[in-house]
Amino acid sequence: MAQDPGIVSRAPTEPSTISPTSIRIDASTICQLRCPRCPTTRGEIGGNLGSGFLTLERFRRIVGCSTIQHVEISNWGEIFLNPHLAEILAYAFRKNIKLTADNGANLNCLSDEVAEALAAYAFYRLSCSIDGVTEETYSIYRRRGSLQRVLRNIERINEAKIRHRSAFPILRWQFIVFGHNEHEIPAAKAMARQLGMEISFKLNWAEKYSPVRDAAFVKEQTGLAAVSRSEYRKLSGQRYRQKLCCAQLWNMPAFNWDGRVLGCSVNRWGDFGVMGDTIEETTNSERMRYARRMLLGEAPARSDIPCSRCHNYLHMQQDGDWLTLEHVASCRDELPVIGAGRNV
């Protein structure tokens, strides 16, 4: 096989095995909202990954008898639609596994049982996708959603935290900055403080959709250095969050709700097979190890590796800008701090 342009000719630097303590398992690939430009809305996720929910049996199969300390359970769908969520939270608590939903939940539905379980079982951190402080602005992107319902559900979680005398879940307001909502950023920051929430701002994935209008105002209010992906690349020389996603093959290998191994949170077109006997065996399969070498620029693309179809990999291949193990290590800073003892 001819070597790809830009492939580094050197001895492999990728460690022979990894022993991840953090993984991602998508709790749901189903969502009740219809956000524009979302792959779930367009039917890509259901068509490629299947529409379904993580079960307790599947969760135990993946994390049982392992060294896993943290599981991120949000990605393509809405976790709170999962009818098994409360029992998954209870099991994770008993196993001393931190759960997060850092990718985000729309929080338009929340059962009483799950509201209590979030606090009782110390769900570590929950990011709530809220892109506005008025119903009119919020519903432009979060179609079929209700801002008032979301805010009431946040209050219910806070009430449960008081009842259980729990600091968890840490609540984060996740605000994607658009041209149609940028004027509400100051009010969102104030409302987040009132609700006891952190707030974080993200760039729009599809920058031609409702682009930022007042860049100086947005930068002043959010602390973001760039207000679009193209500006981010111009300033940093890097593509927005590209390598963070690729580094997940080392730091947070991803699984589909049905147990298929996806490698990272971006992959929605292929898989690396199914769960083996152990996490170590699964994440160190021949195909997973080869994929990591591809991302380091040490091996040519191979058609049976999902990365070969990914825009992130194709951009790195085009630019000759590969991951390094130093960058992989730096990406671990994005993960929750994992300490001893339960999350209470």
C-alpha atoms as a PDB file:
ATOM      1  CA  MET A   1       0.000   0.000   0.000  1.00  0.00           C
ATOM      2  CA  ALA A   2       1.360   3.419  -0.939  1.00  0.00           C
ATOM      3  CA  GLN A   3       2.017   5.633   2.044  1.00  0.00           C
ATOM      4  CA  ASP A   4      -0.272   8.623   2.554  1.00  0.00           C
ATOM      5  CA  PRO A   5       1.272  12.067   2.065  1.00  0.00           C
ATOM      6  CA  GLY A   6       2.431  13.497   5.349  1.00  0.00           C
ATOM      7  CA  ILE A   7       2.767  10.154   7.144  1.00  0.00           C
ATOM      8  CA  VAL A   8       5.722  10.316   9.492  1.00  0.00           C
ATOM      9  CA  SER A   9       8.345   7.657   8.863  1.00  0.00           C
ATOM     10  CA  ARG A  10       9.421   6.701  12.361  1.00  0.00           C
ATOM     11  CA  ALA A  11       9.021   3.971  14.921  1.00  0.00           C
ATOM     12  CA  PRO A  12       5.560   3.910  16.526  1.00  0.00           C
ATOM     13  CA  THR A  13       5.252   6.099  19.616  1.00  0.00           C
ATOM     14  CA  GLU A  14       1.756   5.002  20.609  1.00  0.00           C
ATOM     15  CA  PRO A  15       1.837   3.030  23.878  1.00  0.00           C
ATOM     16  CA  SER A  16       1.257  -0.686  23.422  1.00  0.00           C
ATOM     17  CA  THR A  17      -1.933  -0.559  25.489  1.00  0.00           C
ATOM     18  CA  ILE A  18      -4.165   1.967  27.196  1.00  0.00           C
ATOM     19  CA  SER A  19      -6.128   1.475  30.406  1.00  0.00           C
ATOM     20  CA  PRO A  20      -8.838   4.161  30.277  1.00  0.00           C
ATOM     21  CA  THR A  21     -10.447   5.348  33.496  1.00  0.00           C
ATOM     22  CA  SER A  22     -12.951   7.509  31.568  1.00  0.00           C
ATOM     23  CA  ILE A  23     -15.256   6.376  28.759  1.00  0.00           C
ATOM     24  CA  ARG A  24     -18.343   7.678  26.966  1.00  0.00           C
ATOM     25  CA  ILE A  25     -21.517   5.634  26.596  1.00  0.00           C
ATOM     26  CA  ASP A  26     -24.400   7.330  24.803  1.00  0.00           C
ATOM     27  CA  ALA A  27     -27.462   6.867  27.002  1.00  0.00           C
ATOM     28  CA  SER A  28     -29.842   7.795  24.185  1.00  0.00           C
ATOM     29  CA  THR A  29     -29.789   8.382  20.447  1.00  0.00           C
ATOM     30  CA  ILE A  30     -33.353   9.690  20.551  1.00  0.00           C
ATOM     31  CA  CYS A  31     -34.285  13.351  20.995  1.00  0.00           C
ATOM     32  CA  GLN A  32     -37.685  15.045  21.106  1.00  0.00           C
ATOM     33  CA  LEU A  33     -36.413  18.416  19.839  1.00  0.00           C
ATOM     34  CA  ARG A  34     -35.716  19.372  16.240  1.00  0.00           C
ATOM     35  CA  CYS A  35     -32.696  21.677  16.424  1.00  0.00           C
ATOM     36  CA  PRO A  36     -31.579  22.908  12.984  1.00  0.00           C
ATOM     37  CA  ARG A  37     -28.345  21.424  11.607  1.00  0.00           C
ATOM     38  CA  CYS A  38     -28.298  18.651  14.237  1.00  0.00           C
ATOM     39  CA  PRO A  39     -27.432  15.191  12.831  1.00  0.00           C
ATOM     40  CA  THR A  40     -30.081  13.642  15.091  1.00  0.00           C
ATOM     41  CA  THR A  41     -32.741  15.942  13.637  1.00  0.00           C
ATOM     42  CA  ARG A  42     -31.611  15.054  10.103  1.00  0.00           C
ATOM     43  CA  GLY A  43     -32.007  11.336  10.836  1.00  0.00           C
ATOM     44  CA  GLU A  44     -28.293  10.529  10.497  1.00  0.00           C
ATOM     45  CA  ILE A  45     -27.954   9.148  14.009  1.00  0.00           C
ATOM     46  CA  GLY A  46     -30.969   6.876  14.008  1.00  0.00           C
ATOM     47  CA  GLY A  47     -30.108   5.688  10.517  1.00  0.00           C
ATOM     48  CA  ASN A  48     -26.472   4.870  11.302  1.00  0.00           C
ATOM     49  CA  LEU A  49     -26.331   4.143  15.028  1.00  0.00           C
ATOM     50  CA  GLY A  50     -29.897   3.008  15.603  1.00  0.00           C
ATOM     51  CA  SER A  51     -32.546   4.662  17.748  1.00  0.00           C
ATOM     52  CA  GLY A  52     -32.443   3.338  21.282  1.00  0.00           C
ATOM     53  CA  PHE A  53     -31.521   3.634  24.935  1.00  0.00           C
ATOM     54  CA  LEU A  54     -28.714   2.308  27.089  1.00  0.00           C
ATOM     55  CA  THR A  55     -30.044  -0.352  29.470  1.00  0.00           C
ATOM     56  CA  LEU A  56     -28.762  -1.184  32.943  1.00  0.00           C
ATOM     57  CA  GLU A  57     -27.713  -4.627  31.705  1.00  0.00           C
ATOM     58  CA  ARG A  58     -25.660  -3.080  28.889  1.00  0.00           C
ATOM     59  CA  PHE A  59     -24.144  -0.485  31.237  1.00  0.00           C
ATOM     60  CA  ARG A  60     -23.088  -3.215  33.678  1.00  0.00           C
ATOM     61  CA  ARG A  61     -21.673  -5.253  30.799  1.00  0.00           C
ATOM     62  CA  ILE A  62     -19.432  -2.361  29.736  1.00  0.00           C
ATOM     63  CA  VAL A  63     -18.251  -0.993  33.101  1.00  0.00           C
ATOM     64  CA  GLY A  64     -18.478  -4.058  35.338  1.00  0.00           C
ATOM     65  CA  CYS A  65     -15.207  -5.563  36.603  1.00  0.00           C
ATOM     66  CA  SER A  66     -13.202  -2.671  35.181  1.00  0.00           C
ATOM     67  CA  THR A  67     -11.135   0.265  36.413  1.00  0.00           C
ATOM     68  CA  ILE A  68     -13.598   2.812  34.984  1.00  0.00           C
ATOM     69  CA  GLN A  69     -14.048   5.784  37.322  1.00  0.00           C
ATOM     70  CA  HIS A  70     -15.954   8.194  35.071  1.00  0.00           C
ATOM     71  CA  VAL A  71     -18.584   7.799  32.336  1.00  0.00           C
ATOM     72  CA  GLU A  72     -19.887  10.595  30.116  1.00  0.00           C
ATOM     73  CA  ILE A  73     -23.412   9.557  29.112  1.00  0.00           C
ATOM     74  CA  SER A  74     -24.570  12.315  26.741  1.00  0.00           C
ATOM     75  CA  ASN A  75     -23.886  12.690  23.044  1.00  0.00           C
ATOM     76  CA  TRP A  76     -26.427  12.419  20.211  1.00  0.00           C
ATOM     77  CA  GLY A  77     -29.755  12.166  22.029  1.00  0.00           C
ATOM     78  CA  GLU A  78     -31.563  13.328  25.171  1.00  0.00           C
ATOM     79  CA  ILE A  79     -30.521  11.316  28.227  1.00  0.00           C
ATOM     80  CA  PHE A  80     -33.693  12.146  30.171  1.00  0.00           C
ATOM     81  CA  LEU A  81     -35.821  10.210  27.680  1.00  0.00           C
ATOM     82  CA  ASN A  82     -34.037   7.022  28.768  1.00  0.00           C
ATOM     83  CA  PRO A  83     -36.485   4.967  30.902  1.00  0.00           C
ATOM     84  CA  HIS A  84     -33.576   3.131  32.585  1.00  0.00           C
ATOM     85  CA  LEU A  85     -31.721   6.237  33.731  1.00  0.00           C
ATOM     86  CA  ALA A  86     -32.571   6.122  37.461  1.00  0.00           C
ATOM     87  CA  GLU A  87     -31.341   2.529  37.854  1.00  0.00           C
ATOM     88  CA  ILE A  88     -28.179   3.331  35.877  1.00  0.00           C
ATOM     89  CA  LEU A  89     -27.491   6.245  38.263  1.00  0.00           C
ATOM     90  CA  ALA A  90     -28.026   4.004  41.283  1.00  0.00           C
ATOM     91  CA  TYR A  91     -25.684   1.311  39.947  1.00  0.00           C
ATOM     92  CA  ALA A  92     -22.957   3.839  39.071  1.00  0.00           C
ATOM     93  CA  PHE A  93     -23.179   5.272  42.591  1.00  0.00           C
ATOM     94  CA  ARG A  94     -22.748   1.836  44.143  1.00  0.00           C
ATOM     95  CA  LYS A  95     -19.723   1.226  41.895  1.00  0.00           C
ATOM     96  CA  ASN A  96     -18.274   4.648  42.776  1.00  0.00           C
ATOM     97  CA  ILE A  97     -18.340   5.765  39.119  1.00  0.00           C
ATOM     98  CA  LYS A  98     -18.773   9.454  38.372  1.00  0.00           C
ATOM     99  CA  LEU A  99     -21.388  10.222  35.742  1.00  0.00           C
ATOM    100  CA  THR A 100     -21.425  13.418  33.679  1.00  0.00           C
ATOM    101  CA  ALA A 101     -23.524  14.873  30.884  1.00  0.00           C
ATOM    102  CA  ASP A 102     -21.022  17.476  29.730  1.00  0.00           C
ATOM    103  CA  ASN A 103     -22.065  17.255  26.099  1.00  0.00           C
ATOM    104  CA  GLY A 104     -25.437  18.596  27.161  1.00  0.00           C
ATOM    105  CA  ALA A 105     -29.066  17.761  27.816  1.00  0.00           C
ATOM    106  CA  ASN A 106     -32.054  19.818  26.700  1.00  0.00           C
ATOM    107  CA  LEU A 107     -33.835  19.046  30.015  1.00  0.00           C
ATOM    108  CA  ASN A 108     -37.314  19.487  28.575  1.00  0.00           C
ATOM    109  CA  CYS A 109     -38.473  16.376  30.404  1.00  0.00           C
ATOM    110  CA  LEU A 110     -37.549  15.160  33.882  1.00  0.00           C
ATOM    111  CA  SER A 111     -39.407  12.548  35.907  1.00  0.00           C
ATOM    112  CA  ASP A 112     -39.741  12.881  39.679  1.00  0.00           C
ATOM    113  CA  GLU A 113     -37.759   9.654  40.114  1.00  0.00           C
ATOM    114  CA  VAL A 114     -34.804  10.904  38.055  1.00  0.00           C
ATOM    115  CA  ALA A 115     -34.859  14.379  39.641  1.00  0.00           C
ATOM    116  CA  GLU A 116     -34.391  12.721  43.034  1.00  0.00           C
ATOM    117  CA  ALA A 117     -31.833  10.231  41.711  1.00  0.00           C
ATOM    118  CA  LEU A 118     -29.589  12.985  40.323  1.00  0.00           C
ATOM    119  CA  ALA A 119     -29.079  14.320  43.845  1.00  0.00           C
ATOM    120  CA  ALA A 120     -29.385  11.084  45.817  1.00  0.00           C
ATOM    121  CA  TYR A 121     -26.803   9.296  43.656  1.00  0.00           C
ATOM    122  CA  ALA A 122     -24.499  12.299  43.241  1.00  0.00           C
ATOM    123  CA  PHE A 123     -24.610  12.671  39.464  1.00  0.00           C
ATOM    124  CA  TYR A 124     -21.421  14.688  39.050  1.00  0.00           C
ATOM    125  CA  ARG A 125     -22.129  17.364  36.429  1.00  0.00           C
ATOM    126  CA  LEU A 126     -25.023  18.210  34.122  1.00  0.00           C
ATOM    127  CA  SER A 127     -24.719  20.671  31.243  1.00  0.00           C
ATOM    128  CA  CYS A 128     -28.065  22.136  30.182  1.00  0.00           C
ATOM    129  CA  SER A 129     -28.337  23.424  26.617  1.00  0.00           C
ATOM    130  CA  ILE A 130     -30.099  26.781  26.965  1.00  0.00           C
ATOM    131  CA  ASP A 131     -29.559  29.235  24.122  1.00  0.00           C
ATOM    132  CA  GLY A 132     -31.624  32.218  25.298  1.00  0.00           C
ATOM    133  CA  VAL A 133     -33.493  33.722  28.223  1.00  0.00           C
ATOM    134  CA  THR A 134     -36.808  34.387  26.492  1.00  0.00           C
ATOM    135  CA  GLU A 135     -39.158  31.819  25.025  1.00  0.00           C
ATOM    136  CA  GLU A 136     -39.005  33.526  21.647  1.00  0.00           C
ATOM    137  CA  THR A 137     -35.209  33.435  21.405  1.00  0.00           C
ATOM    138  CA  TYR A 138     -34.777  29.971  22.955  1.00  0.00           C
ATOM    139  CA  SER A 139     -37.244  28.340  20.558  1.00  0.00           C
ATOM    140  CA  ILE A 140     -35.490  29.623  17.432  1.00  0.00           C
ATOM    141  CA  TYR A 141     -32.914  26.857  17.771  1.00  0.00           C
ATOM    142  CA  ARG A 142     -34.399  24.514  20.407  1.00  0.00           C
ATOM    143  CA  ARG A 143     -37.456  23.770  18.312  1.00  0.00           C
ATOM    144  CA  ARG A 144     -40.277  21.938  20.111  1.00  0.00           C
ATOM    145  CA  GLY A 145     -38.662  22.947  23.407  1.00  0.00           C
ATOM    146  CA  SER A 146     -40.014  25.121  26.222  1.00  0.00           C
ATOM    147  CA  LEU A 147     -37.688  27.432  28.152  1.00  0.00           C
ATOM    148  CA  GLN A 148     -40.106  27.669  31.078  1.00  0.00           C
ATOM    149  CA  ARG A 149     -40.222  23.887  31.362  1.00  0.00           C
ATOM    150  CA  VAL A 150     -36.414  23.726  31.366  1.00  0.00           C
ATOM    151  CA  LEU A 151     -36.104  26.393  34.061  1.00  0.00           C
ATOM    152  CA  ARG A 152     -38.686  24.625  36.209  1.00  0.00           C
ATOM    153  CA  ASN A 153     -36.757  21.362  35.884  1.00  0.00           C
ATOM    154  CA  ILE A 154     -33.556  23.121  36.996  1.00  0.00           C
ATOM    155  CA  GLU A 155     -35.430  24.406  40.055  1.00  0.00           C
ATOM    156  CA  ARG A 156     -36.641  20.856  40.769  1.00  0.00           C
ATOM    157  CA  ILE A 157     -33.053  19.563  40.666  1.00  0.00           C
ATOM    158  CA  ASN A 158     -31.954  22.339  43.029  1.00  0.00           C
ATOM    159  CA  GLU A 159     -34.789  21.447  45.395  1.00  0.00           C
ATOM    160  CA  ALA A 160     -33.707  17.777  45.327  1.00  0.00           C
ATOM    161  CA  LYS A 161     -30.106  18.815  46.089  1.00  0.00           C
ATOM    162  CA  ILE A 162     -31.345  20.658  49.176  1.00  0.00           C
ATOM    163  CA  ARG A 163     -33.402  17.670  50.339  1.00  0.00           C
ATOM    164  CA  HIS A 164     -30.453  15.317  49.958  1.00  0.00           C
ATOM    165  CA  ARG A 165     -27.911  17.844  51.247  1.00  0.00           C
ATOM    166  CA  SER A 166     -25.907  17.234  48.099  1.00  0.00           C
ATOM    167  CA  ALA A 167     -23.595  19.535  46.136  1.00  0.00           C
ATOM    168  CA  PHE A 168     -24.319  17.416  43.070  1.00  0.00           C
ATOM    169  CA  PRO A 169     -25.091  17.550  40.278  1.00  0.00           C
ATOM    170  CA  ILE A 170     -22.989  20.585  39.436  1.00  0.00           C
ATOM    171  CA  LEU A 171     -25.223  22.449  37.004  1.00  0.00           C
ATOM    172  CA  ARG A 172     -23.791  24.167  33.953  1.00  0.00           C
ATOM    173  CA  TRP A 173     -25.665  26.484  31.588  1.00  0.00           C
ATOM    174  CA  GLN A 174     -24.357  25.741  28.086  1.00  0.00           C
ATOM    175  CA  PHE A 175     -25.002  28.661  25.740  1.00  0.00           C
ATOM    176  CA  ILE A 176     -24.253  28.304  22.017  1.00  0.00           C
ATOM    177  CA  VAL A 177     -23.666  31.805  20.681  1.00  0.00           C
ATOM    178  CA  PHE A 178     -25.717  32.780  17.624  1.00  0.00           C
ATOM    179  CA  GLY A 179     -26.521  36.082  16.009  1.00  0.00           C
ATOM    180  CA  HIS A 180     -30.133  35.748  17.157  1.00  0.00           C
ATOM    181  CA  ASN A 181     -29.272  35.279  20.863  1.00  0.00           C
ATOM    182  CA  GLU A 182     -26.066  37.270  21.457  1.00  0.00           C
ATOM    183  CA  HIS A 183     -28.021  40.225  22.900  1.00  0.00           C
ATOM    184  CA  GLU A 184     -29.250  37.969  25.735  1.00  0.00           C
ATOM    185  CA  ILE A 185     -25.795  36.906  26.951  1.00  0.00           C
ATOM    186  CA  PRO A 186     -25.695  39.379  29.912  1.00  0.00           C
ATOM    187  CA  ALA A 187     -29.157  38.263  31.057  1.00  0.00           C
ATOM    188  CA  ALA A 188     -28.151  34.589  30.711  1.00  0.00           C
ATOM    189  CA  LYS A 189     -25.118  35.149  32.933  1.00  0.00           C
ATOM    190  CA  ALA A 190     -27.302  36.816  35.567  1.00  0.00           C
ATOM    191  CA  MET A 191     -29.944  34.105  35.424  1.00  0.00           C
ATOM    192  CA  ALA A 192     -27.306  31.372  35.713  1.00  0.00           C
ATOM    193  CA  ARG A 193     -25.993  32.994  38.913  1.00  0.00           C
ATOM    194  CA  GLN A 194     -29.517  33.112  40.345  1.00  0.00           C
ATOM    195  CA  LEU A 195     -29.986  29.409  39.600  1.00  0.00           C
ATOM    196  CA  GLY A 196     -26.615  28.429  41.093  1.00  0.00           C
ATOM    197  CA  MET A 197     -25.242  27.374  37.723  1.00  0.00           C
ATOM    198  CA  GLU A 198     -21.896  27.728  36.008  1.00  0.00           C
ATOM    199  CA  ILE A 199     -22.120  29.104  32.471  1.00  0.00           C
ATOM    200  CA  SER A 200     -20.070  28.211  29.428  1.00  0.00           C
ATOM    201  CA  PHE A 201     -20.197  29.566  25.900  1.00  0.00           C
ATOM    202  CA  LYS A 202     -19.646  27.511  22.749  1.00  0.00           C
ATOM    203  CA  LEU A 203     -19.128  28.389  19.118  1.00  0.00           C
ATOM    204  CA  ASN A 204     -21.827  27.486  16.637  1.00  0.00           C
ATOM    205  CA  TRP A 205     -20.946  24.252  14.794  1.00  0.00           C
ATOM    206  CA  ALA A 206     -22.410  25.545  11.503  1.00  0.00           C
ATOM    207  CA  GLU A 207     -21.096  29.095  11.370  1.00  0.00           C
ATOM    208  CA  LYS A 208     -23.221  30.113   8.360  1.00  0.00           C
ATOM    209  CA  TYR A 209     -26.356  29.495  10.434  1.00  0.00           C
ATOM    210  CA  SER A 210     -27.256  32.669  12.368  1.00  0.00           C
ATOM    211  CA  PRO A 211     -23.682  34.040  12.540  1.00  0.00           C
ATOM    212  CA  VAL A 212     -22.606  36.442  15.293  1.00  0.00           C
ATOM    213  CA  ARG A 213     -23.394  40.078  14.462  1.00  0.00           C
ATOM    214  CA  ASP A 214     -21.498  42.075  17.087  1.00  0.00           C
ATOM    215  CA  ALA A 215     -18.189  40.267  17.517  1.00  0.00           C
ATOM    216  CA  ALA A 216     -16.675  42.822  19.910  1.00  0.00           C
ATOM    217  CA  PHE A 217     -19.694  42.632  22.241  1.00  0.00           C
ATOM    218  CA  VAL A 218     -19.707  38.830  22.243  1.00  0.00           C
ATOM    219  CA  LYS A 219     -15.987  38.624  23.009  1.00  0.00           C
ATOM    220  CA  GLU A 220     -16.315  41.140  25.842  1.00  0.00           C
ATOM    221  CA  GLN A 221     -19.280  39.330  27.404  1.00  0.00           C
ATOM    222  CA  THR A 222     -18.096  35.731  26.986  1.00  0.00           C
ATOM    223  CA  GLY A 223     -14.314  35.912  27.124  1.00  0.00           C
ATOM    224  CA  LEU A 224     -14.131  33.976  23.845  1.00  0.00           C
ATOM    225  CA  ALA A 225     -11.164  34.918  21.682  1.00  0.00           C
ATOM    226  CA  ALA A 226     -13.029  34.021  18.486  1.00  0.00           C
ATOM    227  CA  VAL A 227     -16.706  34.069  17.528  1.00  0.00           C
ATOM    228  CA  SER A 228     -16.558  31.638  14.607  1.00  0.00           C
ATOM    229  CA  ARG A 229     -14.663  28.499  13.694  1.00  0.00           C
ATOM    230  CA  SER A 230     -12.878  30.221  10.840  1.00  0.00           C
ATOM    231  CA  GLU A 231     -11.715  33.017  13.138  1.00  0.00           C
ATOM    232  CA  TYR A 232     -10.614  30.462  15.722  1.00  0.00           C
ATOM    233  CA  ARG A 233      -8.472  28.700  13.142  1.00  0.00           C
ATOM    234  CA  LYS A 234      -6.989  32.003  11.934  1.00  0.00           C
ATOM    235  CA  LEU A 235      -6.019  32.980  15.486  1.00  0.00           C
ATOM    236  CA  SER A 236      -4.838  29.606  16.795  1.00  0.00           C
ATOM    237  CA  GLY A 237      -3.740  27.762  13.690  1.00  0.00           C
ATOM    238  CA  GLN A 238      -5.971  24.874  14.841  1.00  0.00           C
ATOM    239  CA  ARG A 239      -9.448  23.703  13.926  1.00  0.00           C
ATOM    240  CA  TYR A 240     -11.997  24.186  16.705  1.00  0.00           C
ATOM    241  CA  ARG A 241     -12.005  21.225  19.136  1.00  0.00           C
ATOM    242  CA  GLN A 242     -10.718  18.921  16.398  1.00  0.00           C
ATOM    243  CA  LYS A 243      -7.872  17.261  18.255  1.00  0.00           C
ATOM    244  CA  LEU A 244      -9.839  17.146  21.508  1.00  0.00           C
ATOM    245  CA  CYS A 245     -12.268  14.772  19.787  1.00  0.00           C
ATOM    246  CA  CYS A 246      -9.515  12.625  18.242  1.00  0.00           C
ATOM    247  CA  ALA A 247      -7.722  12.342  21.595  1.00  0.00           C
ATOM    248  CA  GLN A 248     -10.791  10.534  22.946  1.00  0.00           C
ATOM    249  CA  LEU A 249      -9.434   7.307  21.444  1.00  0.00           C
ATOM    250  CA  TRP A 250      -6.878   7.482  24.278  1.00  0.00           C
ATOM    251  CA  ASN A 251      -8.645   9.479  26.992  1.00  0.00           C
ATOM    252  CA  MET A 252     -12.358   8.676  26.684  1.00  0.00           C
ATOM    253  CA  PRO A 253     -13.166   5.873  24.215  1.00  0.00           C
ATOM    254  CA  ALA A 254     -16.795   6.041  23.106  1.00  0.00           C
ATOM    255  CA  PHE A 255     -19.474   3.338  22.995  1.00  0.00           C
ATOM    256  CA  ASN A 256     -22.892   3.362  21.391  1.00  0.00           C
ATOM    257  CA  TRP A 257     -25.983   2.619  23.490  1.00  0.00           C
ATOM    258  CA  ASP A 258     -26.052  -0.931  22.079  1.00  0.00           C
ATOM    259  CA  GLY A 259     -22.429  -1.698  22.999  1.00  0.00           C
ATOM    260  CA  ARG A 260     -20.785  -1.047  19.641  1.00  0.00           C
ATOM    261  CA  VAL A 261     -17.371   0.608  19.954  1.00  0.00           C
ATOM    262  CA  LEU A 262     -17.339   4.026  18.260  1.00  0.00           C
ATOM    263  CA  GLY A 263     -13.940   5.290  19.402  1.00  0.00           C
ATOM    264  CA  CYS A 264     -14.938   8.954  19.685  1.00  0.00           C
ATOM    265  CA  SER A 265     -18.025  11.124  20.080  1.00  0.00           C
ATOM    266  CA  VAL A 266     -17.926  12.346  16.450  1.00  0.00           C
ATOM    267  CA  ASN A 267     -18.120   8.932  14.770  1.00  0.00           C
ATOM    268  CA  ARG A 268     -21.606   8.155  13.488  1.00  0.00           C
ATOM    269  CA  TRP A 269     -20.841   6.136  10.327  1.00  0.00           C
ATOM    270  CA  GLY A 270     -18.993   3.043  11.472  1.00  0.00           C
ATOM    271  CA  ASP A 271     -17.697   1.129  14.465  1.00  0.00           C
ATOM    272  CA  PHE A 272     -14.733  -0.851  15.753  1.00  0.00           C
ATOM    273  CA  GLY A 273     -16.793  -3.908  16.621  1.00  0.00           C
ATOM    274  CA  VAL A 274     -18.585  -4.796  19.846  1.00  0.00           C
ATOM    275  CA  MET A 275     -17.586  -4.892  23.474  1.00  0.00           C
ATOM    276  CA  GLY A 276     -15.103  -7.668  24.259  1.00  0.00           C
ATOM    277  CA  ASP A 277     -14.551  -9.421  27.552  1.00  0.00           C
ATOM    278  CA  THR A 278     -12.914  -6.367  29.157  1.00  0.00           C
ATOM    279  CA  ILE A 279     -12.486  -2.632  28.592  1.00  0.00           C
ATOM    280  CA  GLU A 280      -8.755  -3.179  28.123  1.00  0.00           C
ATOM    281  CA  GLU A 281      -9.277  -5.839  25.472  1.00  0.00           C
ATOM    282  CA  THR A 282     -11.883  -3.728  23.682  1.00  0.00           C
ATOM    283  CA  THR A 283      -9.969  -0.460  23.620  1.00  0.00           C
ATOM    284  CA  ASN A 284      -6.747  -2.201  22.593  1.00  0.00           C
ATOM    285  CA  SER A 285      -8.126  -4.205  19.697  1.00  0.00           C
ATOM    286  CA  GLU A 286      -6.002  -4.270  16.556  1.00  0.00           C
ATOM    287  CA  ARG A 287      -8.302  -1.761  14.818  1.00  0.00           C
ATOM    288  CA  MET A 288      -8.356   0.667  17.763  1.00  0.00           C
ATOM    289  CA  ARG A 289      -4.575   0.570  18.063  1.00  0.00           C
ATOM    290  CA  TYR A 290      -4.196   1.075  14.331  1.00  0.00           C
ATOM    291  CA  ALA A 291      -6.586   4.056  14.461  1.00  0.00           C
ATOM    292  CA  ARG A 292      -4.450   5.686  17.136  1.00  0.00           C
ATOM    293  CA  ARG A 293      -1.382   5.249  14.930  1.00  0.00           C
ATOM    294  CA  MET A 294      -3.303   6.851  12.042  1.00  0.00           C
ATOM    295  CA  LEU A 295      -4.139   9.878  14.187  1.00  0.00           C
ATOM    296  CA  LEU A 296      -0.482  10.238  15.144  1.00  0.00           C
ATOM    297  CA  GLY A 297       0.430  10.245  11.458  1.00  0.00           C
ATOM    298  CA  GLU A 298       2.379   6.998  11.821  1.00  0.00           C
ATOM    299  CA  ALA A 299       0.203   4.751   9.649  1.00  0.00           C
ATOM    300  CA  PRO A 300      -1.698   5.262   6.393  1.00  0.00           C
ATOM    301  CA  ALA A 301      -5.492   5.397   6.254  1.00  0.00           C
ATOM    302  CA  ARG A 302      -7.269   2.045   6.133  1.00  0.00           C
ATOM    303  CA  SER A 303     -10.808   1.615   4.816  1.00  0.00           C
ATOM    304  CA  ASP A 304     -11.970  -0.551   7.749  1.00  0.00           C
ATOM    305  CA  ILE A 305     -11.092   2.192  10.256  1.00  0.00           C
ATOM    306  CA  PRO A 306     -13.975   4.703  10.770  1.00  0.00           C
ATOM    307  CA  CYS A 307     -11.485   7.561  11.206  1.00  0.00           C
ATOM    308  CA  SER A 308     -10.655   7.339   7.491  1.00  0.00           C
ATOM    309  CA  ARG A 309     -14.105   8.828   6.716  1.00  0.00           C
ATOM    310  CA  CYS A 310     -14.009  11.548   9.378  1.00  0.00           C
ATOM    311  CA  HIS A 311     -13.620  15.225   8.443  1.00  0.00           C
ATOM    312  CA  ASN A 312     -11.277  15.688  11.411  1.00  0.00           C
ATOM    313  CA  TYR A 313      -8.908  13.009  10.141  1.00  0.00           C
ATOM    314  CA  LEU A 314      -9.145  14.228   6.552  1.00  0.00           C
ATOM    315  CA  HIS A 315      -8.262  17.770   7.667  1.00  0.00           C
ATOM    316  CA  MET A 316      -5.249  16.500   9.623  1.00  0.00           C
ATOM    317  CA  GLN A 317      -4.188  14.434   6.619  1.00  0.00           C
ATOM    318  CA  GLN A 318      -4.554  17.439   4.325  1.00  0.00           C
ATOM    319  CA  ASP A 319      -2.630  19.754   6.652  1.00  0.00           C
ATOM    320  CA  GLY A 320      -0.044  17.198   7.777  1.00  0.00           C
ATOM    321  CA  ASP A 321      -0.967  18.333  11.288  1.00  0.00           C
ATOM    322  CA  TRP A 322      -1.144  15.127  13.317  1.00  0.00           C
ATOM    323  CA  LEU A 323      -1.829  14.490  16.965  1.00  0.00           C
ATOM    324  CA  THR A 324       1.095  14.072  19.338  1.00  0.00           C
ATOM    325  CA  LEU A 325       1.130  12.157  22.596  1.00  0.00           C
ATOM    326  CA  GLU A 326       1.848  15.468  24.343  1.00  0.00           C
ATOM    327  CA  HIS A 327      -1.376  16.879  22.921  1.00  0.00           C
ATOM    328  CA  VAL A 328      -3.273  13.752  23.931  1.00  0.00           C
ATOM    329  CA  ALA A 329      -2.002  14.195  27.481  1.00  0.00           C
ATOM    330  CA  SER A 330      -3.001  17.874  27.533  1.00  0.00           C
ATOM    331  CA  CYS A 331      -6.549  16.963  26.488  1.00  0.00           C
ATOM    332  CA  ARG A 332      -6.976  15.018  29.720  1.00  0.00           C
ATOM    333  CA  ASP A 333      -7.382  18.381  31.434  1.00  0.00           C
ATOM    334  CA  GLU A 334     -10.850  18.531  29.866  1.00  0.00           C
ATOM    335  CA  LEU A 335     -11.957  15.547  31.942  1.00  0.00           C
ATOM    336  CA  PRO A 336     -13.484  15.836  35.428  1.00  0.00           C
ATOM    337  CA  VAL A 337     -11.117  15.642  38.365  1.00  0.00           C
ATOM    338  CA  ILE A 338     -11.410  12.063  39.591  1.00  0.00           C
ATOM    339  CA  GLY A 339     -10.636  11.639  43.253  1.00  0.00           C
ATOM    340  CA  ALA A 340     -11.059   8.963  45.849  1.00  0.00           C
ATOM    341  CA  GLY A 341     -14.364   8.405  47.585  1.00  0.00           C
ATOM    342  CA  ARG A 342     -17.940   8.958  46.547  1.00  0.00           C
ATOM    343  CA  ASN A 343     -19.198  12.159  44.953  1.00  0.00           C
ATOM    344  CA  VAL A 344     -20.861  13.504  48.084  1.00  0.00           C
END
